PDB file of N, CA and C in Angstrom:
ATOM      1  N   ARG A   1       3.406   6.809  -4.161  1.00  0.00           N
ATOM      2  CA  ARG A   1       3.716   6.780  -2.874  1.00  0.00           C
ATOM      3  C   ARG A   1       2.680   6.521  -2.198  1.00  0.00           C
ATOM      4  N   PHE A   2       2.566   5.824  -0.487  1.00  0.00           N
ATOM      5  CA  PHE A   2       1.658   5.150  -0.234  1.00  0.00           C
ATOM      6  C   PHE A   2       1.604   5.818   1.152  1.00  0.00           C
ATOM      7  N   ALA A   3       0.590   6.565   1.629  1.00  0.00           N
ATOM      8  CA  ALA A   3       1.439   7.113   3.071  1.00  0.00           C
ATOM      9  C   ALA A   3       0.878   6.327   4.066  1.00  0.00           C
ATOM     10  N   VAL A   4       1.773   6.653   5.575  1.00  0.00           N
ATOM     11  CA  VAL A   4       1.219   5.395   6.585  1.00  0.00           C
ATOM     12  C   VAL A   4      -0.250   5.426   6.875  1.00  0.00           C
ATOM     13  N   PRO A   5      -1.352   4.987   7.398  1.00  0.00           N
ATOM     14  CA  PRO A   5      -2.658   5.110   6.756  1.00  0.00           C
ATOM     15  C   PRO A   5      -2.875   5.502   8.772  1.00  0.00           C
ATOM     16  N   SER A   6      -3.993   6.524   8.587  1.00  0.00           N
ATOM     17  CA  SER A   6      -4.141   7.168   9.268  1.00  0.00           C
ATOM     18  C   SER A   6      -5.805   7.452   9.681  1.00  0.00           C
ATOM     19  N   PRO A   7      -6.036   7.543  11.192  1.00  0.00           N
ATOM     20  CA  PRO A   7      -5.212   7.175  12.707  1.00  0.00           C
ATOM     21  C   PRO A   7      -4.745   5.891  12.158  1.00  0.00           C
ATOM     22  N   ASN A   8      -3.281   5.477  12.916  1.00  0.00           N
ATOM     23  CA  ASN A   8      -2.939   4.557  13.304  1.00  0.00           C
ATOM     24  C   ASN A   8      -2.365   3.974  14.268  1.00  0.00           C
ATOM     25  N   PRO A   9      -2.817   3.320  15.424  1.00  0.00           N
ATOM     26  CA  PRO A   9      -3.912   2.521  15.399  1.00  0.00           C
ATOM     27  C   PRO A   9      -5.090   3.168  15.556  1.00  0.00           C
ATOM     28  N   SER A  10      -6.962   2.581  14.847  1.00  0.00           N
ATOM     29  CA  SER A  10      -7.871   3.467  14.922  1.00  0.00           C
ATOM     30  C   SER A  10      -8.722   2.641  16.086  1.00  0.00           C
ATOM     31  N   SER A  11      -9.712   3.392  15.903  1.00  0.00           N
ATOM     32  CA  SER A  11     -11.080   2.969  16.604  1.00  0.00           C
ATOM     33  C   SER A  11     -11.977   2.622  16.156  1.00  0.00           C
ATOM     34  N   GLY A  12     -11.659   3.779  14.479  1.00  0.00           N
ATOM     35  CA  GLY A  12     -12.920   3.880  13.658  1.00  0.00           C
ATOM     36  C   GLY A  12     -12.420   3.341  12.074  1.00  0.00           C
ATOM     37  N   GLU A  13     -12.815   4.720  11.454  1.00  0.00           N
ATOM     38  CA  GLU A  13     -12.356   4.722  10.124  1.00  0.00           C
ATOM     39  C   GLU A  13     -10.682   4.662   9.714  1.00  0.00           C
ATOM     40  N   THR A  14     -10.124   4.323   9.563  1.00  0.00           N
ATOM     41  CA  THR A  14      -8.949   5.009   8.956  1.00  0.00           C
ATOM     42  C   THR A  14      -9.108   5.293   7.480  1.00  0.00           C
ATOM     43  N   ARG A  15      -7.700   5.900   7.400  1.00  0.00           N
ATOM     44  CA  ARG A  15      -7.382   6.353   5.616  1.00  0.00           C
ATOM     45  C   ARG A  15      -6.258   6.342   5.240  1.00  0.00           C
ATOM     46  N   PHE A  16      -6.928   5.729   3.873  1.00  0.00           N
ATOM     47  CA  PHE A  16      -5.511   5.331   3.088  1.00  0.00           C
ATOM     48  C   PHE A  16      -5.005   6.792   2.393  1.00  0.00           C
ATOM     49  N   ALA A  17      -3.947   7.104   2.220  1.00  0.00           N
ATOM     50  CA  ALA A  17      -3.363   8.578   0.983  1.00  0.00           C
ATOM     51  C   ALA A  17      -3.070   7.640   0.148  1.00  0.00           C
ATOM     52  N   PHE A  18      -2.972   7.850  -1.355  1.00  0.00           N
ATOM     53  CA  PHE A  18      -1.796   7.454  -2.114  1.00  0.00           C
ATOM     54  C   PHE A  18      -1.797   8.161  -3.618  1.00  0.00           C
ATOM     55  N   VAL A  19      -0.794   8.029  -3.997  1.00  0.00           N
ATOM     56  CA  VAL A  19      -0.787   8.812  -5.356  1.00  0.00           C
ATOM     57  C   VAL A  19      -0.604   8.011  -6.501  1.00  0.00           C
ATOM     58  N   VAL A  20      -1.099   8.175  -7.831  1.00  0.00           N
ATOM     59  CA  VAL A  20      -0.769   6.836  -9.075  1.00  0.00           C
ATOM     60  C   VAL A  20      -0.590   7.941  -9.727  1.00  0.00           C
ATOM     61  N   PRO A  21       0.739   7.451 -10.253  1.00  0.00           N
ATOM     62  CA  PRO A  21       1.706   8.363 -11.098  1.00  0.00           C
ATOM     63  C   PRO A  21       1.548   8.542 -12.884  1.00  0.00           C
ATOM     64  N   SER A  22       0.494   7.555 -13.056  1.00  0.00           N
ATOM     65  CA  SER A  22       0.115   7.332 -14.590  1.00  0.00           C
ATOM     66  C   SER A  22      -1.086   6.313 -14.699  1.00  0.00           C
ATOM     67  N   TYR A  23      -1.808   6.400 -15.812  1.00  0.00           N
ATOM     68  CA  TYR A  23      -2.963   5.808 -15.867  1.00  0.00           C
ATOM     69  C   TYR A  23      -2.495   3.960 -15.398  1.00  0.00           C
ATOM     70  N   ALA A  24      -3.428   3.664 -14.621  1.00  0.00           N
ATOM     71  CA  ALA A  24      -2.976   1.865 -14.118  1.00  0.00           C
ATOM     72  C   ALA A  24      -4.249   1.746 -13.448  1.00  0.00           C
ATOM     73  N   ALA A  25      -3.850  -0.046 -13.311  1.00  0.00           N
ATOM     74  CA  ALA A  25      -5.016  -0.110 -12.925  1.00  0.00           C
ATOM     75  C   ALA A  25      -4.732  -0.497 -10.956  1.00  0.00           C
ATOM     76  N   VAL A  26      -5.521  -0.587 -10.016  1.00  0.00           N
ATOM     77  CA  VAL A  26      -5.475   0.159  -8.947  1.00  0.00           C
ATOM     78  C   VAL A  26      -6.404  -1.110  -8.157  1.00  0.00           C
ATOM     79  N   ASP A  27      -5.192  -1.851  -7.158  1.00  0.00           N
ATOM     80  CA  ASP A  27      -6.056  -2.248  -6.116  1.00  0.00           C
ATOM     81  C   ASP A  27      -5.692  -2.188  -4.594  1.00  0.00           C
ATOM     82  N   LEU A  28      -6.571  -1.765  -4.128  1.00  0.00           N
ATOM     83  CA  LEU A  28      -6.498  -1.800  -2.472  1.00  0.00           C
ATOM     84  C   LEU A  28      -7.356  -2.423  -1.765  1.00  0.00           C
ATOM     85  N   SER A  29      -6.580  -3.837  -0.972  1.00  0.00           N
ATOM     86  CA  SER A  29      -7.480  -4.789  -0.052  1.00  0.00           C
ATOM     87  C   SER A  29      -6.594  -4.993   1.284  1.00  0.00           C
ATOM     88  N   VAL A  30      -7.538  -5.245   2.222  1.00  0.00           N
ATOM     89  CA  VAL A  30      -6.933  -5.194   3.712  1.00  0.00           C
ATOM     90  C   VAL A  30      -7.196  -6.606   3.818  1.00  0.00           C
ATOM     91  N   TYR A  31      -5.874  -7.188   4.546  1.00  0.00           N
ATOM     92  CA  TYR A  31      -5.682  -8.567   4.650  1.00  0.00           C
ATOM     93  C   TYR A  31      -5.876  -8.840   6.565  1.00  0.00           C
ATOM     94  N   ASP A  32      -6.123  -9.970   6.370  1.00  0.00           N
ATOM     95  CA  ASP A  32      -5.472 -10.227   8.109  1.00  0.00           C
ATOM     96  C   ASP A  32      -4.410 -10.513   8.509  1.00  0.00           C
ATOM     97  N   VAL A  33      -4.200 -10.612   9.631  1.00  0.00           N
ATOM     98  CA  VAL A  33      -2.286 -11.746   9.839  1.00  0.00           C
ATOM     99  C   VAL A  33      -2.068 -13.127   9.184  1.00  0.00           C
ATOM    100  N   ARG A  34      -3.314 -13.743   8.549  1.00  0.00           N
ATOM    101  CA  ARG A  34      -3.175 -14.911   8.071  1.00  0.00           C
ATOM    102  C   ARG A  34      -3.255 -14.865   6.729  1.00  0.00           C
ATOM    103  N   GLY A  35      -3.314 -14.188   5.985  1.00  0.00           N
ATOM    104  CA  GLY A  35      -3.114 -13.387   4.393  1.00  0.00           C
ATOM    105  C   GLY A  35      -4.722 -13.696   3.942  1.00  0.00           C
ATOM    106  N   ARG A  36      -5.826 -13.720   4.973  1.00  0.00           N
ATOM    107  CA  ARG A  36      -6.607 -13.545   3.685  1.00  0.00           C
ATOM    108  C   ARG A  36      -7.379 -12.458   3.280  1.00  0.00           C
ATOM    109  N   ARG A  37      -8.155 -12.275   2.379  1.00  0.00           N
ATOM    110  CA  ARG A  37      -8.185 -10.827   2.124  1.00  0.00           C
ATOM    111  C   ARG A  37      -9.243 -10.470   2.734  1.00  0.00           C
ATOM    112  N   VAL A  38      -9.661  -9.486   3.500  1.00  0.00           N
ATOM    113  CA  VAL A  38     -10.954  -9.550   4.378  1.00  0.00           C
ATOM    114  C   VAL A  38     -11.887  -8.417   3.628  1.00  0.00           C
ATOM    115  N   ARG A  39     -11.396  -7.382   3.133  1.00  0.00           N
ATOM    116  CA  ARG A  39     -12.028  -6.481   2.419  1.00  0.00           C
ATOM    117  C   ARG A  39     -11.676  -5.862   1.675  1.00  0.00           C
ATOM    118  N   ARG A  40     -11.795  -5.740  -0.036  1.00  0.00           N
ATOM    119  CA  ARG A  40     -11.548  -5.011  -0.953  1.00  0.00           C
ATOM    120  C   ARG A  40     -12.199  -3.391  -0.772  1.00  0.00           C
ATOM    121  N   VAL A  41     -11.165  -2.491  -0.570  1.00  0.00           N
ATOM    122  CA  VAL A  41     -11.135  -1.250  -0.560  1.00  0.00           C
ATOM    123  C   VAL A  41     -11.663  -0.452  -1.780  1.00  0.00           C
ATOM    124  N   LEU A  42     -10.869  -0.868  -2.938  1.00  0.00           N
ATOM    125  CA  LEU A  42     -11.314  -0.332  -4.562  1.00  0.00           C
ATOM    126  C   LEU A  42     -10.514  -1.185  -4.774  1.00  0.00           C
ATOM    127  N   LYS A  43     -11.138  -1.472  -6.153  1.00  0.00           N
ATOM    128  CA  LYS A  43     -10.770  -2.205  -7.477  1.00  0.00           C
ATOM    129  C   LYS A  43     -11.105  -1.333  -9.053  1.00  0.00           C
ATOM    130  N   GLU A  44      -9.661  -0.711  -9.727  1.00  0.00           N
ATOM    131  CA  GLU A  44     -10.690  -0.060 -11.151  1.00  0.00           C
ATOM    132  C   GLU A  44      -8.954   0.074 -11.694  1.00  0.00           C
ATOM    133  N   GLU A  45      -9.548   1.002 -12.817  1.00  0.00           N
ATOM    134  CA  GLU A  45      -8.824   1.239 -13.508  1.00  0.00           C
ATOM    135  C   GLU A  45      -8.934   3.391 -13.371  1.00  0.00           C
ATOM    136  N   SER A  46      -7.991   3.785 -13.448  1.00  0.00           N
ATOM    137  CA  SER A  46      -7.665   5.161 -13.148  1.00  0.00           C
ATOM    138  C   SER A  46      -6.470   5.690 -13.671  1.00  0.00           C
ATOM    139  N   GLU A  47      -6.721   7.000 -14.020  1.00  0.00           N
ATOM    140  CA  GLU A  47      -6.216   8.437 -14.562  1.00  0.00           C
ATOM    141  C   GLU A  47      -5.210   8.478 -13.535  1.00  0.00           C
ATOM    142  N   ALA A  48      -3.957   8.902 -13.557  1.00  0.00           N
ATOM    143  CA  ALA A  48      -3.293   9.990 -12.544  1.00  0.00           C
ATOM    144  C   ALA A  48      -4.051  10.984 -11.579  1.00  0.00           C
ATOM    145  N   ARG A  49      -3.759  10.142 -10.119  1.00  0.00           N
ATOM    146  CA  ARG A  49      -4.544  11.075  -9.299  1.00  0.00           C
ATOM    147  C   ARG A  49      -4.305  10.791  -8.081  1.00  0.00           C
ATOM    148  N   GLU A  50      -4.772  11.586  -7.349  1.00  0.00           N
ATOM    149  CA  GLU A  50      -4.680  11.578  -5.978  1.00  0.00           C
ATOM    150  C   GLU A  50      -5.702  10.629  -5.134  1.00  0.00           C
ATOM    151  N   PHE A  51      -5.555   9.819  -4.070  1.00  0.00           N
ATOM    152  CA  PHE A  51      -6.629   8.910  -3.556  1.00  0.00           C
ATOM    153  C   PHE A  51      -6.612   9.261  -2.224  1.00  0.00           C
ATOM    154  N   VAL A  52      -7.947   8.923  -1.435  1.00  0.00           N
ATOM    155  CA  VAL A  52      -8.096   9.148   0.039  1.00  0.00           C
ATOM    156  C   VAL A  52      -9.077   8.923   0.177  1.00  0.00           C
ATOM    157  N   LEU A  53      -9.107   7.333   0.898  1.00  0.00           N
ATOM    158  CA  LEU A  53     -10.065   6.510   0.706  1.00  0.00           C
ATOM    159  C   LEU A  53     -10.389   5.847   2.655  1.00  0.00           C
ATOM    160  N   GLY A  54     -11.434   5.797   2.805  1.00  0.00           N
ATOM    161  CA  GLY A  54     -11.249   4.977   4.164  1.00  0.00           C
ATOM    162  C   GLY A  54     -12.237   4.205   3.845  1.00  0.00           C
ATOM    163  N   TRP A  55     -11.524   3.133   5.121  1.00  0.00           N
ATOM    164  CA  TRP A  55     -11.949   1.715   5.931  1.00  0.00           C
ATOM    165  C   TRP A  55     -12.478   2.022   7.071  1.00  0.00           C
ATOM    166  N   ASP A  56     -13.743   1.460   7.496  1.00  0.00           N
ATOM    167  CA  ASP A  56     -14.655   1.648   8.455  1.00  0.00           C
ATOM    168  C   ASP A  56     -14.252   0.053   9.307  1.00  0.00           C
ATOM    169  N   GLY A  57     -13.383  -0.698   8.913  1.00  0.00           N
ATOM    170  CA  GLY A  57     -13.108  -1.661   9.796  1.00  0.00           C
ATOM    171  C   GLY A  57     -13.820  -2.892  10.132  1.00  0.00           C
ATOM    172  N   ARG A  58     -15.083  -3.113   9.017  1.00  0.00           N
ATOM    173  CA  ARG A  58     -15.806  -3.669   8.506  1.00  0.00           C
ATOM    174  C   ARG A  58     -15.438  -4.704   7.315  1.00  0.00           C
ATOM    175  N   ASP A  59     -15.163  -6.470   7.295  1.00  0.00           N
ATOM    176  CA  ASP A  59     -14.578  -7.051   6.080  1.00  0.00           C
ATOM    177  C   ASP A  59     -16.386  -7.129   5.066  1.00  0.00           C
ATOM    178  N   ASP A  60     -15.611  -7.568   3.990  1.00  0.00           N
ATOM    179  CA  ASP A  60     -16.622  -7.061   2.654  1.00  0.00           C
ATOM    180  C   ASP A  60     -18.410  -7.537   2.654  1.00  0.00           C
ATOM    181  N   ARG A  61     -18.624  -8.353   3.687  1.00  0.00           N
ATOM    182  CA  ARG A  61     -19.755  -8.489   3.616  1.00  0.00           C
ATOM    183  C   ARG A  61     -20.343  -7.232   5.080  1.00  0.00           C
ATOM    184  N   GLY A  62     -19.682  -6.875   5.698  1.00  0.00           N
ATOM    185  CA  GLY A  62     -20.053  -5.468   6.474  1.00  0.00           C
ATOM    186  C   GLY A  62     -20.233  -6.268   8.252  1.00  0.00           C
ATOM    187  N   ARG A  63     -19.742  -6.913   7.542  1.00  0.00           N
ATOM    188  CA  ARG A  63     -18.983  -7.629   9.574  1.00  0.00           C
ATOM    189  C   ARG A  63     -18.228  -6.650  10.319  1.00  0.00           C
ATOM    190  N   THR A  64     -17.944  -6.154  11.524  1.00  0.00           N
ATOM    191  CA  THR A  64     -17.272  -5.194  11.791  1.00  0.00           C
ATOM    192  C   THR A  64     -16.406  -6.373  12.321  1.00  0.00           C
ATOM    193  N   LEU A  65     -15.177  -6.072  12.383  1.00  0.00           N
ATOM    194  CA  LEU A  65     -13.741  -6.710  12.214  1.00  0.00           C
ATOM    195  C   LEU A  65     -12.374  -6.332  13.661  1.00  0.00           C
ATOM    196  N   ALA A  66     -12.455  -8.113  14.661  1.00  0.00           N
ATOM    197  CA  ALA A  66     -12.001  -7.895  15.665  1.00  0.00           C
ATOM    198  C   ALA A  66     -11.015  -6.805  15.498  1.00  0.00           C
ATOM    199  N   SER A  67     -10.809  -6.962  17.107  1.00  0.00           N
ATOM    200  CA  SER A  67      -9.033  -5.747  17.106  1.00  0.00           C
ATOM    201  C   SER A  67      -7.948  -6.677  16.703  1.00  0.00           C
ATOM    202  N   GLY A  68      -7.159  -5.573  16.210  1.00  0.00           N
ATOM    203  CA  GLY A  68      -6.065  -6.702  15.632  1.00  0.00           C
ATOM    204  C   GLY A  68      -5.125  -5.851  14.619  1.00  0.00           C
ATOM    205  N   THR A  69      -3.726  -6.374  14.629  1.00  0.00           N
ATOM    206  CA  THR A  69      -3.360  -6.247  13.194  1.00  0.00           C
ATOM    207  C   THR A  69      -4.010  -6.921  11.652  1.00  0.00           C
ATOM    208  N   TYR A  70      -4.062  -5.511  11.085  1.00  0.00           N
ATOM    209  CA  TYR A  70      -4.293  -5.789   9.681  1.00  0.00           C
ATOM    210  C   TYR A  70      -3.010  -4.933   8.675  1.00  0.00           C
ATOM    211  N   TYR A  71      -3.182  -5.669   7.126  1.00  0.00           N
ATOM    212  CA  TYR A  71      -2.182  -4.940   6.501  1.00  0.00           C
ATOM    213  C   TYR A  71      -2.732  -4.833   5.371  1.00  0.00           C
ATOM    214  N   ALA A  72      -2.339  -3.345   4.290  1.00  0.00           N
ATOM    215  CA  ALA A  72      -3.068  -2.786   3.450  1.00  0.00           C
ATOM    216  C   ALA A  72      -2.613  -2.853   2.471  1.00  0.00           C
ATOM    217  N   ARG A  73      -3.042  -3.679   1.259  1.00  0.00           N
ATOM    218  CA  ARG A  73      -1.924  -3.899   0.427  1.00  0.00           C
ATOM    219  C   ARG A  73      -2.564  -2.956  -0.662  1.00  0.00           C
ATOM    220  N   LEU A  74      -1.556  -2.263  -1.893  1.00  0.00           N
ATOM    221  CA  LEU A  74      -2.124  -1.478  -2.622  1.00  0.00           C
ATOM    222  C   LEU A  74      -1.089  -2.222  -3.861  1.00  0.00           C
ATOM    223  N   ARG A  75      -1.880  -2.127  -5.382  1.00  0.00           N
ATOM    224  CA  ARG A  75      -1.223  -3.210  -6.019  1.00  0.00           C
ATOM    225  C   ARG A  75      -1.321  -1.957  -7.114  1.00  0.00           C
ATOM    226  N   VAL A  76      -0.247  -1.492  -8.529  1.00  0.00           N
ATOM    227  CA  VAL A  76      -0.793  -0.524  -8.809  1.00  0.00           C
ATOM    228  C   VAL A  76      -0.037  -0.897 -10.492  1.00  0.00           C
ATOM    229  N   ARG A  77      -0.321  -1.719 -11.175  1.00  0.00           N
ATOM    230  CA  ARG A  77       0.028  -1.828 -12.154  1.00  0.00           C
ATOM    231  C   ARG A  77      -0.734  -1.047 -13.789  1.00  0.00           C
ATOM    232  N   GLY A  78       0.659  -0.559 -14.499  1.00  0.00           N
ATOM    233  CA  GLY A  78       0.460   0.006 -15.631  1.00  0.00           C
ATOM    234  C   GLY A  78       1.596   0.263 -16.264  1.00  0.00           C
ATOM    235  N   PRO A  79       1.658   0.665 -17.898  1.00  0.00           N
ATOM    236  CA  PRO A  79       2.759   0.557 -18.840  1.00  0.00           C
ATOM    237  C   PRO A  79       3.817   0.368 -18.029  1.00  0.00           C
ATOM    238  N   GLY A  80       4.821  -0.109 -17.886  1.00  0.00           N
ATOM    239  CA  GLY A  80       5.855   0.226 -17.255  1.00  0.00           C
ATOM    240  C   GLY A  80       6.006   0.296 -15.792  1.00  0.00           C
ATOM    241  N   MET A  81       5.163   0.028 -15.041  1.00  0.00           N
ATOM    242  CA  MET A  81       5.065  -0.093 -13.726  1.00  0.00           C
ATOM    243  C   MET A  81       3.954  -1.253 -13.306  1.00  0.00           C
ATOM    244  N   ASP A  82       4.591  -1.797 -12.151  1.00  0.00           N
ATOM    245  CA  ASP A  82       3.690  -2.868 -11.664  1.00  0.00           C
ATOM    246  C   ASP A  82       4.302  -3.032  -9.591  1.00  0.00           C
ATOM    247  N   GLU A  83       3.612  -2.221  -9.033  1.00  0.00           N
ATOM    248  CA  GLU A  83       4.559  -2.036  -7.488  1.00  0.00           C
ATOM    249  C   GLU A  83       3.578  -2.567  -6.968  1.00  0.00           C
ATOM    250  N   THR A  84       3.744  -3.108  -5.608  1.00  0.00           N
ATOM    251  CA  THR A  84       3.122  -3.762  -4.382  1.00  0.00           C
ATOM    252  C   THR A  84       3.792  -2.679  -3.458  1.00  0.00           C
ATOM    253  N   LEU A  85       2.600  -2.365  -2.488  1.00  0.00           N
ATOM    254  CA  LEU A  85       3.044  -1.812  -1.429  1.00  0.00           C
ATOM    255  C   LEU A  85       2.203  -1.717  -0.218  1.00  0.00           C
ATOM    256  N   VAL A  86       2.759  -2.206   0.253  1.00  0.00           N
ATOM    257  CA  VAL A  86       2.122  -2.975   2.230  1.00  0.00           C
ATOM    258  C   VAL A  86       1.882  -1.765   3.290  1.00  0.00           C
ATOM    259  N   ARG A  87       0.688  -1.277   4.069  1.00  0.00           N
ATOM    260  CA  ARG A  87       1.681  -0.611   5.227  1.00  0.00           C
ATOM    261  C   ARG A  87       0.493  -1.322   6.434  1.00  0.00           C
ATOM    262  N   LYS A  88       1.233  -1.398   7.716  1.00  0.00           N
ATOM    263  CA  LYS A  88       0.810  -2.258   8.671  1.00  0.00           C
ATOM    264  C   LYS A  88      -0.864  -1.004   9.516  1.00  0.00           C
ATOM    265  N   VAL A  89      -1.971  -2.009   9.943  1.00  0.00           N
ATOM    266  CA  VAL A  89      -2.830  -1.532  10.140  1.00  0.00           C
ATOM    267  C   VAL A  89      -3.683  -1.616  11.475  1.00  0.00           C
ATOM    268  N   VAL A  90      -3.595  -0.968  12.458  1.00  0.00           N
ATOM    269  CA  VAL A  90      -3.937  -1.642  13.893  1.00  0.00           C
ATOM    270  C   VAL A  90      -5.369  -1.005  13.999  1.00  0.00           C
ATOM    271  N   SER A  91      -6.394  -1.959  14.690  1.00  0.00           N
ATOM    272  CA  SER A  91      -7.487  -2.217  14.669  1.00  0.00           C
ATOM    273  C   SER A  91      -7.522  -2.090  16.171  1.00  0.00           C
ATOM    274  N   VAL A  92      -8.856  -1.254  17.049  1.00  0.00           N
ATOM    275  CA  VAL A  92      -8.649  -1.297  18.201  1.00  0.00           C
ATOM    276  C   VAL A  92     -10.470  -1.055  18.580  1.00  0.00           C
ATOM    277  N   ARG A  93     -10.485  -1.775  18.951  1.00  0.00           N
ATOM    278  CA  ARG A  93     -12.423  -2.142  19.392  1.00  0.00           C
ATOM    279  C   ARG A  93     -12.663  -1.749  20.592  1.00  0.00           C
TER     280      ARG A  93
END
């Protein structure tokens, strides 16, 4: 499960909530409309659990990103699973 980002649209921090059902490699990244990764929020191997993570609207270098549409991509890979889910995020500055 990968919930709709909240709040959305956001002028501050956006929260991402998702569940990893069993041990897996987890990668949550934010992309711009051109498909370029602007921020890696999480990349780790994890046991089954629920995540709630925040994104502050900044890129990997700490720069505030412009207002616009971004895409959060969650990829979960583990024994018997390889899922990629995408959610739209609107940032308003």
